[in-house]
C-alpha cells in the first residue's frame, strides 16, 4: 500500500464522515464540492473536509482508492457514498438522511 493510500484509508476509517473535496468546507473551490458542503451543513453533520488540491498525489490517490473518477467524494463510517450528483439525489429523496442516521450519525431535523 502506498503512503497516500495509507493516509486515505486512515482518514476514511478514523473519521465518521469524511469529504474529499476541492478546497475546504469554509472555502470550497468548485461548485460540486460546495454543493456537498451545503448539504452536510444543512443537515448539521459533523464531518472532516480534506482538500485534495494540496497534493497531486492525493488528488489521484483518492480516485484510485475509490475507483471513482470525480471529486468530491463522501465517505460515511468507512463506506464510499458517492460524489455530488449521488449525494444531492440521495439528499433530495431523504435517503442520505436515512443512511447517516442508520450509521449513527446525528442529522438535524431527522426523526
Protein backbone atom coordinates (compact mmCIF):
# COMPACT_ATOMS: atom_id res chain seq x y z
CA UNK A 1 0.00 0.00 0.00
CA UNK A 2 1.37 3.37 -0.99
CA UNK A 3 1.85 6.13 1.55
CA UNK A 4 -1.04 8.12 0.06
CA UNK A 5 -3.34 5.08 0.14
CA UNK A 6 -2.44 4.59 3.79
CA UNK A 7 -3.25 8.23 4.53
CA UNK A 8 -6.62 7.98 2.74
CA UNK A 9 -7.52 4.67 4.42
CA UNK A 10 -6.62 6.12 7.82
CA UNK A 11 -8.79 9.22 7.29
CA UNK A 12 -11.73 7.17 6.00
CA UNK A 13 -11.54 4.68 8.86
CA UNK A 14 -10.91 7.13 11.71
CA UNK A 15 -13.49 9.80 10.89
CA UNK A 16 -17.21 9.05 10.85
CA UNK A 17 -17.86 11.38 7.91
CA UNK A 18 -15.12 12.48 5.51
CA UNK A 19 -15.46 14.63 2.41
CA UNK A 20 -12.55 14.64 -0.03
CA UNK A 21 -13.10 17.90 -1.85
CA UNK A 22 -11.57 20.75 -3.81
CA UNK A 23 -10.94 23.45 -1.24
CA UNK A 24 -12.11 23.42 2.36
CA UNK A 25 -15.57 23.36 3.98
CA UNK A 26 -15.19 27.11 4.70
CA UNK A 27 -13.94 27.86 1.18
CA UNK A 28 -14.95 25.26 -1.42
CA UNK A 29 -13.07 25.74 -4.67
CA UNK A 30 -15.53 24.08 -7.03
CA UNK A 31 -19.30 24.15 -7.31
CA UNK A 32 -19.71 20.42 -6.81
CA UNK A 33 -17.69 20.41 -3.59
CA UNK A 34 -19.68 23.46 -2.49
CA UNK A 35 -23.00 21.69 -3.05
CA UNK A 36 -22.00 18.72 -0.88
CA UNK A 37 -20.72 21.11 1.83
CA UNK A 38 -24.08 22.93 1.73
CA UNK A 39 -25.99 19.66 2.12
CA UNK A 40 -23.84 18.44 5.02
CA UNK A 41 -24.01 21.85 6.71
CA UNK A 42 -27.78 21.99 6.21
CA UNK A 43 -28.08 18.59 7.88
CA UNK A 44 -25.79 19.72 10.70
CA UNK A 45 -23.46 16.80 10.10
CA UNK A 46 -20.07 16.89 11.80
CA UNK A 47 -17.57 15.97 9.09
CA UNK A 48 -13.95 16.34 8.12
CA UNK A 49 -13.16 18.07 4.84
CA UNK A 50 -9.90 17.12 3.13
CA UNK A 51 -8.61 19.44 0.41
CA UNK A 52 -7.31 17.33 -2.49
CA UNK A 53 -5.84 20.41 -4.15
CA UNK A 54 -2.95 20.38 -1.68
CA UNK A 55 -1.32 17.45 -3.48
CA UNK A 56 -1.44 15.89 -6.95
CA UNK A 57 -0.68 12.58 -5.29
CA UNK A 58 -3.74 12.93 -3.03
CA UNK A 59 -5.91 14.07 -5.96
CA UNK A 60 -5.03 10.95 -7.96
CA UNK A 61 -4.85 8.73 -4.89
CA UNK A 62 -8.47 9.28 -3.85
CA UNK A 63 -9.67 8.44 -7.38
CA UNK A 64 -7.65 5.22 -7.30
CA UNK A 65 -8.80 4.42 -3.77
CA UNK A 66 -12.50 4.58 -4.65
CA UNK A 67 -12.27 3.70 -8.35
CA UNK A 68 -14.40 6.84 -8.78
CA UNK A 69 -13.19 9.43 -11.31
CA UNK A 70 -14.51 12.65 -9.79
CA UNK A 71 -14.21 14.88 -6.73
CA UNK A 72 -15.88 15.43 -4.26
CA UNK A 73 -16.15 12.03 -2.63
CA UNK A 74 -18.15 11.42 0.54
CA UNK A 75 -17.39 8.59 2.96
CA UNK A 76 -19.53 7.62 5.95
CA UNK A 77 -18.18 5.16 8.53
CA UNK A 78 -15.61 3.89 6.05
CA UNK A 79 -18.10 3.41 3.22
CA UNK A 80 -17.93 5.36 -0.05
CA UNK A 81 -21.31 7.06 -0.57
CA UNK A 82 -20.65 8.89 -3.83
CA UNK A 83 -19.96 12.19 -5.49
CA UNK A 84 -22.00 15.37 -5.82
CA UNK A 85 -24.83 14.03 -8.02
CA UNK A 86 -25.37 10.92 -5.91
CA UNK A 87 -25.23 12.86 -2.62
CA UNK A 88 -27.64 15.50 -3.97
CA UNK A 89 -30.11 12.89 -5.29
CA UNK A 90 -29.96 10.93 -2.03
CA UNK A 91 -30.49 14.14 -0.05
CA UNK A 92 -33.48 15.22 -2.15
CA UNK A 93 -35.05 11.76 -1.75
CA UNK A 94 -34.39 11.70 2.01
CA UNK A 95 -32.08 8.70 1.55
CA UNK A 96 -28.92 10.49 2.68
CA UNK A 97 -30.51 11.45 5.98
CA UNK A 98 -31.65 7.82 6.48
CA UNK A 99 -28.23 6.42 5.57
CA UNK A 100 -26.50 8.78 8.02
CA UNK A 101 -28.87 8.09 10.92
CA UNK A 102 -28.69 4.33 10.32
CA UNK A 103 -24.92 4.61 10.74
CA UNK A 104 -25.34 6.54 13.98
CA UNK A 105 -24.55 10.00 12.58
CA UNK A 106 -26.77 12.68 14.07
CA UNK A 107 -28.66 14.72 11.50
CA UNK A 108 -30.52 17.97 12.15
CA UNK A 109 -34.26 17.55 11.67
CA UNK A 110 -34.13 13.76 11.45
CA UNK A 111 -36.78 11.76 13.29
